C-alpha atoms as a PDB file:
ATOM      1  CA  ASN A   1     -18.062 -13.426  35.143  1.00  0.00           C
ATOM      2  CA  TRP A   2     -18.137 -10.275  33.014  1.00  0.00           C
ATOM      3  CA  ALA A   3     -20.710 -11.778  30.624  1.00  0.00           C
ATOM      4  CA  ARG A   4     -23.203 -11.860  33.485  1.00  0.00           C
ATOM      5  CA  GLY A   5     -22.891  -8.154  34.253  1.00  0.00           C
ATOM      6  CA  GLY A   6     -19.585  -8.255  36.067  1.00  0.00           C
ATOM      7  CA  GLU A   7     -16.648  -6.059  35.242  1.00  0.00           C
ATOM      8  CA  LEU A   8     -13.658  -6.857  33.113  1.00  0.00           C
ATOM      9  CA  GLU A   9     -10.508  -4.957  33.931  1.00  0.00           C
ATOM     10  CA  ILE A  10      -7.927  -4.648  31.213  1.00  0.00           C
ATOM     11  CA  ASP A  11      -4.433  -3.577  32.138  1.00  0.00           C
ATOM     12  CA  TRP A  12      -2.942  -2.357  28.866  1.00  0.00           C
ATOM     13  CA  ASN A  13       0.540  -2.798  30.295  1.00  0.00           C
ATOM     14  CA  GLN A  14       0.131  -6.573  30.363  1.00  0.00           C
ATOM     15  CA  GLU A  15       2.135  -8.229  27.609  1.00  0.00           C
ATOM     16  CA  LYS A  16      -0.840 -10.296  26.446  1.00  0.00           C
ATOM     17  CA  TYR A  17      -2.467  -7.105  25.116  1.00  0.00           C
ATOM     18  CA  TRP A  18       0.566  -5.791  23.230  1.00  0.00           C
ATOM     19  CA  THR A  19       0.189  -5.756  19.453  1.00  0.00           C
ATOM     20  CA  LEU A  20       3.899  -5.047  18.990  1.00  0.00           C
ATOM     21  CA  HIS A  21       6.702  -6.036  21.310  1.00  0.00           C
ATOM     22  CA  LYS A  22       8.072  -3.168  23.400  1.00  0.00           C
ATOM     23  CA  SER A  23      11.481  -3.582  21.708  1.00  0.00           C
ATOM     24  CA  GLU A  24       9.965  -2.363  18.405  1.00  0.00           C
ATOM     25  CA  PRO A  25      10.269   1.424  17.940  1.00  0.00           C
ATOM     26  CA  ASP A  26       6.717   1.574  16.534  1.00  0.00           C
ATOM     27  CA  SER A  27       5.412   0.274  19.869  1.00  0.00           C
ATOM     28  CA  ARG A  28       5.753   3.883  21.046  1.00  0.00           C
ATOM     29  CA  LEU A  29       2.621   4.564  18.966  1.00  0.00           C
ATOM     30  CA  TRP A  30       0.593   1.848  20.646  1.00  0.00           C
ATOM     31  CA  TYR A  31      -1.612   4.412  22.406  1.00  0.00           C
ATOM     32  CA  PHE A  32      -2.658   5.793  19.023  1.00  0.00           C
ATOM     33  CA  ASN A  33      -2.679   2.733  16.750  1.00  0.00           C
ATOM     34  CA  GLU A  34      -4.824   0.716  19.136  1.00  0.00           C
ATOM     35  CA  ASP A  35      -7.092   3.555  20.292  1.00  0.00           C
ATOM     36  CA  PRO A  36     -10.641   2.117  20.274  1.00  0.00           C
ATOM     37  CA  LEU A  37     -12.238   5.444  19.338  1.00  0.00           C
ATOM     38  CA  ILE A  38      -9.994   6.008  16.323  1.00  0.00           C
ATOM     39  CA  ASN A  39     -10.408   2.416  15.166  1.00  0.00           C
ATOM     40  CA  SER A  40     -14.172   2.392  15.649  1.00  0.00           C
ATOM     41  CA  ASN A  41     -14.454   5.691  13.729  1.00  0.00           C
ATOM     42  CA  HIS A  42     -12.395   4.223  10.871  1.00  0.00           C
ATOM     43  CA  PHE A  43     -14.508   1.045  10.947  1.00  0.00           C
ATOM     44  CA  HIS A  44     -17.720   3.133  10.959  1.00  0.00           C
ATOM     45  CA  TRP A  45     -16.654   5.051   7.852  1.00  0.00           C
ATOM     46  CA  HIS A  46     -15.828   1.828   6.006  1.00  0.00           C
ATOM     47  CA  GLN A  47     -19.257   0.503   6.931  1.00  0.00           C
ATOM     48  CA  LEU A  48     -20.905   3.707   5.739  1.00  0.00           C
ATOM     49  CA  LEU A  49     -18.884   4.030   2.548  1.00  0.00           C
ATOM     50  CA  SER A  50     -18.919   0.384   1.462  1.00  0.00           C
ATOM     51  CA  ASN A  51     -22.070  -1.458   2.348  1.00  0.00           C
ATOM     52  CA  SER A  52     -23.359  -4.766   1.072  1.00  0.00           C
ATOM     53  CA  GLU A  53     -26.396  -3.474  -0.843  1.00  0.00           C
ATOM     54  CA  GLN A  54     -26.408  -4.135  -4.580  1.00  0.00           C
ATOM     55  CA  LEU A  55     -25.102  -1.352  -6.798  1.00  0.00           C
ATOM     56  CA  GLY A  56     -28.112   0.658  -7.944  1.00  0.00           C
ATOM     57  CA  HIS A  57     -30.106   0.001  -4.743  1.00  0.00           C
ATOM     58  CA  ASN A  58     -31.291   3.300  -3.230  1.00  0.00           C
ATOM     59  CA  SER A  59     -29.418   2.632   0.024  1.00  0.00           C
ATOM     60  CA  HIS A  60     -26.139   1.645  -1.666  1.00  0.00           C
ATOM     61  CA  SER A  61     -23.316   3.849  -0.429  1.00  0.00           C
ATOM     62  CA  SER A  62     -22.519   4.962  -3.999  1.00  0.00           C
ATOM     63  CA  ASN A  63     -25.573   7.195  -3.716  1.00  0.00           C
ATOM     64  CA  LEU A  64     -23.902   9.313  -1.019  1.00  0.00           C
ATOM     65  CA  ASP A  65     -22.972  12.739  -2.329  1.00  0.00           C
ATOM     66  CA  ARG A  66     -19.173  13.066  -2.680  1.00  0.00           C
ATOM     67  CA  ARG A  67     -18.633   9.572  -1.230  1.00  0.00           C
ATOM     68  CA  GLY A  68     -15.262   8.972  -2.892  1.00  0.00           C
ATOM     69  CA  GLU A  69     -14.058  12.424  -1.935  1.00  0.00           C
ATOM     70  CA  MET A  70     -14.971  11.683   1.708  1.00  0.00           C
ATOM     71  CA  PHE A  71     -13.145   8.344   1.525  1.00  0.00           C
ATOM     72  CA  TYR A  72      -9.989  10.035   0.221  1.00  0.00           C
ATOM     73  CA  PHE A  73     -10.228  12.945   2.686  1.00  0.00           C
ATOM     74  CA  ILE A  74     -10.731  10.738   5.755  1.00  0.00           C
ATOM     75  CA  HIS A  75      -7.743   8.523   4.934  1.00  0.00           C
ATOM     76  CA  LYS A  76      -5.566  11.559   4.211  1.00  0.00           C
ATOM     77  CA  GLN A  77      -6.552  12.986   7.618  1.00  0.00           C
ATOM     78  CA  ILE A  78      -5.754   9.715   9.396  1.00  0.00           C
ATOM     79  CA  LEU A  79      -2.366   9.530   7.677  1.00  0.00           C
ATOM     80  CA  SER A  80      -1.615  13.151   8.618  1.00  0.00           C
ATOM     81  CA  ARG A  81      -2.504  12.429  12.227  1.00  0.00           C
ATOM     82  CA  ILE A  82      -0.390   9.254  12.270  1.00  0.00           C
ATOM     83  CA  ASN A  83       2.579  11.221  10.940  1.00  0.00           C
ATOM     84  CA  ALA A  84       2.107  13.924  13.591  1.00  0.00           C
ATOM     85  CA  GLU A  85       1.991  11.226  16.294  1.00  0.00           C
ATOM     86  CA  ARG A  86       5.085   9.506  14.849  1.00  0.00           C
ATOM     87  CA  LEU A  87       7.038  12.767  14.955  1.00  0.00           C
ATOM     88  CA  SER A  88       5.850  13.441  18.519  1.00  0.00           C
ATOM     89  CA  VAL A  89       7.456  10.193  19.756  1.00  0.00           C
ATOM     90  CA  GLY A  90      10.680  10.589  17.776  1.00  0.00           C
ATOM     91  CA  LEU A  91       9.845   8.367  14.782  1.00  0.00           C
ATOM     92  CA  ASN A  92      10.092   9.258  11.092  1.00  0.00           C
ATOM     93  CA  ILE A  93       6.932   9.794   9.077  1.00  0.00           C
ATOM     94  CA  THR A  94       5.428   6.786   7.325  1.00  0.00           C
ATOM     95  CA  GLU A  95       7.132   5.448   4.233  1.00  0.00           C
ATOM     96  CA  PRO A  96       5.090   4.759   1.088  1.00  0.00           C
ATOM     97  CA  PHE A  97       4.189   1.118   0.494  1.00  0.00           C
ATOM     98  CA  GLY A  98       4.012   1.155  -3.286  1.00  0.00           C
ATOM     99  CA  PRO A  99       4.629  -1.331  -6.068  1.00  0.00           C
ATOM    100  CA  ASP A 100       8.392  -1.444  -5.437  1.00  0.00           C
ATOM    101  CA  GLU A 101       7.736  -2.621  -1.871  1.00  0.00           C
ATOM    102  CA  TRP A 102       4.930  -5.116  -2.525  1.00  0.00           C
ATOM    103  CA  SER A 103       7.270  -8.092  -2.958  1.00  0.00           C
ATOM    104  CA  ARG A 104       9.500  -7.191  -0.006  1.00  0.00           C
ATOM    105  CA  PRO A 105       9.078  -8.735   3.439  1.00  0.00           C
ATOM    106  CA  VAL A 106       7.245  -6.551   5.967  1.00  0.00           C
ATOM    107  CA  TYR A 107       8.754  -5.928   9.379  1.00  0.00           C
ATOM    108  CA  PRO A 108       7.827  -5.964  12.158  1.00  0.00           C
ATOM    109  CA  GLY A 109       5.100  -8.567  12.481  1.00  0.00           C
ATOM    110  CA  TYR A 110       1.755  -7.505  13.906  1.00  0.00           C
ATOM    111  CA  ASP A 111      -0.948  -9.210  15.940  1.00  0.00           C
ATOM    112  CA  SER A 112      -4.172  -7.261  16.368  1.00  0.00           C
ATOM    113  CA  LYS A 113      -5.266  -9.599  19.183  1.00  0.00           C
ATOM    114  CA  LEU A 114      -8.728  -9.647  17.611  1.00  0.00           C
ATOM    115  CA  GLY A 115     -10.470 -12.925  17.389  1.00  0.00           C
ATOM    116  CA  HIS A 116     -12.079 -13.596  20.719  1.00  0.00           C
ATOM    117  CA  GLY A 117     -15.693 -12.723  21.316  1.00  0.00           C
ATOM    118  CA  ALA A 118     -17.917 -11.151  18.696  1.00  0.00           C
ATOM    119  CA  VAL A 119     -15.368 -10.575  15.917  1.00  0.00           C
ATOM    120  CA  ASP A 120     -13.957 -12.842  13.255  1.00  0.00           C
ATOM    121  CA  LYS A 121     -10.428 -14.067  13.818  1.00  0.00           C
ATOM    122  CA  TYR A 122      -7.754 -11.888  12.330  1.00  0.00           C
ATOM    123  CA  GLU A 123      -4.573 -13.878  11.992  1.00  0.00           C
ATOM    124  CA  ALA A 124      -1.334 -12.301  13.097  1.00  0.00           C
ATOM    125  CA  ARG A 125       1.071 -11.144  10.379  1.00  0.00           C
ATOM    126  CA  PRO A 126       4.429 -12.766  11.134  1.00  0.00           C
ATOM    127  CA  ALA A 127       7.593 -10.697  10.817  1.00  0.00           C
ATOM    128  CA  GLY A 128       8.943 -10.986   7.274  1.00  0.00           C
ATOM    129  CA  ALA A 129       5.596 -11.768   5.623  1.00  0.00           C
ATOM    130  CA  SER A 130       5.157 -10.571   2.063  1.00  0.00           C
ATOM    131  CA  MET A 131       2.180 -10.033  -0.184  1.00  0.00           C
ATOM    132  CA  PHE A 132       0.991 -12.980  -2.304  1.00  0.00           C
ATOM    133  CA  ARG A 133       2.323 -12.769  -5.867  1.00  0.00           C
ATOM    134  CA  SER A 134      -1.208 -13.047  -7.264  1.00  0.00           C
ATOM    135  CA  ASP A 135      -2.270 -10.028  -5.175  1.00  0.00           C
ATOM    136  CA  GLN A 136       0.806  -8.103  -6.348  1.00  0.00           C
ATOM    137  CA  ARG A 137      -0.071  -8.803  -9.986  1.00  0.00           C
ATOM    138  CA  GLN A 138      -3.690  -7.753  -9.521  1.00  0.00           C
ATOM    139  CA  LEU A 139      -2.726  -4.548  -7.707  1.00  0.00           C
ATOM    140  CA  LYS A 140      -0.239  -3.697 -10.459  1.00  0.00           C
ATOM    141  CA  ARG A 141      -2.955  -4.167 -13.112  1.00  0.00           C
ATOM    142  CA  ASP A 142      -5.339  -1.995 -11.074  1.00  0.00           C
ATOM    143  CA  LEU A 143      -2.675   0.659 -10.585  1.00  0.00           C
ATOM    144  CA  ALA A 144      -1.795   0.723 -14.291  1.00  0.00           C
ATOM    145  CA  SER A 145      -5.473   1.164 -15.146  1.00  0.00           C
ATOM    146  CA  LEU A 146      -5.823   3.961 -12.602  1.00  0.00           C
ATOM    147  CA  GLU A 147      -2.647   5.724 -13.784  1.00  0.00           C
ATOM    148  CA  PHE A 148      -3.875   5.498 -17.394  1.00  0.00           C
ATOM    149  CA  ALA A 149      -7.204   7.058 -16.395  1.00  0.00           C
ATOM    150  CA  ILE A 150      -5.426   9.887 -14.557  1.00  0.00           C
ATOM    151  CA  ASP A 151      -3.110  10.509 -17.543  1.00  0.00           C
ATOM    152  CA  GLN A 152      -6.144  10.635 -19.842  1.00  0.00           C
ATOM    153  CA  MET A 153      -8.076  12.730 -17.270  1.00  0.00           C
ATOM    154  CA  GLU A 154     -10.996  10.380 -17.847  1.00  0.00           C
ATOM    155  CA  MET A 155     -12.279   7.236 -16.160  1.00  0.00           C
ATOM    156  CA  LYS A 156     -14.741   4.645 -17.357  1.00  0.00           C
ATOM    157  CA  LEU A 157     -17.034   3.577 -14.524  1.00  0.00           C
ATOM    158  CA  GLY A 158     -19.735   1.097 -15.369  1.00  0.00           C
ATOM    159  CA  GLY A 159     -20.943   2.330 -18.740  1.00  0.00           C
ATOM    160  CA  ASN A 160     -20.192   5.983 -17.980  1.00  0.00           C
ATOM    161  CA  ARG A 161     -17.242   8.217 -18.731  1.00  0.00           C
ATOM    162  CA  VAL A 162     -16.144  10.560 -15.958  1.00  0.00           C
ATOM    163  CA  ARG A 163     -14.061  13.560 -16.944  1.00  0.00           C
ATOM    164  CA  MET A 164     -11.475  14.642 -14.371  1.00  0.00           C
ATOM    165  CA  GLY A 165      -9.978  18.075 -13.934  1.00  0.00           C
ATOM    166  CA  TYR A 166      -9.816  21.230 -11.903  1.00  0.00           C
ATOM    167  CA  TRP A 167     -11.665  24.376 -13.009  1.00  0.00           C
ATOM    168  CA  ASN A 168     -12.576  27.523 -11.102  1.00  0.00           C
ATOM    169  CA  GLY A 169     -11.743  26.029  -7.715  1.00  0.00           C
ATOM    170  CA  VAL A 170     -13.734  22.837  -8.312  1.00  0.00           C
ATOM    171  CA  ASP A 171     -12.050  19.434  -8.434  1.00  0.00           C
ATOM    172  CA  PHE A 172     -14.016  17.318 -10.921  1.00  0.00           C
ATOM    173  CA  GLY A 173     -13.694  13.564 -10.693  1.00  0.00           C
ATOM    174  CA  ILE A 174     -12.130  13.365  -7.214  1.00  0.00           C
ATOM    175  CA  SER A 175     -15.191  11.663  -5.768  1.00  0.00           C
ATOM    176  CA  GLU A 176     -15.213   9.044  -8.530  1.00  0.00           C
ATOM    177  CA  LEU A 177     -11.453   8.547  -8.155  1.00  0.00           C
ATOM    178  CA  GLY A 178     -11.959   7.965  -4.408  1.00  0.00           C
ATOM    179  CA  ASP A 179     -14.736   5.478  -5.236  1.00  0.00           C
ATOM    180  CA  VAL A 180     -12.311   3.525  -7.426  1.00  0.00           C
ATOM    181  CA  MET A 181      -9.611   3.582  -4.732  1.00  0.00           C
ATOM    182  CA  GLU A 182     -12.081   2.369  -2.091  1.00  0.00           C
ATOM    183  CA  SER A 183     -13.404  -0.502  -4.212  1.00  0.00           C
END
């Protein structure tokens, strides 16, 4: 028994570990999408950048210098790497999943296979699932608010106004914008 100090051998070629069926073109990226080091790094950054302390507490992640900028930068780097990997296996780069796509069914389905052991159960997303209408409406309201702030080059966060812009090689407001996107 592996729980008593034994070994557990995982053969990634066994179908029970596949998160996408081999007939799906995106299954060619399995080595990257399911890489434990990439996923644990991504998880670590979410833990670091969004913790459960109350806003204003000295250990709240909002006190990290350039937190939102780091959030934006890390996700841009992951997306760039995913696109490089997609091209390397003959796939097109990722397509945006914006407001026009939110009501459309998503293919293929996906099953992370998480849910046994020390993690909460993550349900599989069946092929053809679409976003809940209530979530679509909320995201559209959030997006409209964010677009308005960008157009005005000013955001209201808490009781503060944050001016956005770019002067003398310095991008003002990017960290706050990343904070809003992460929240």
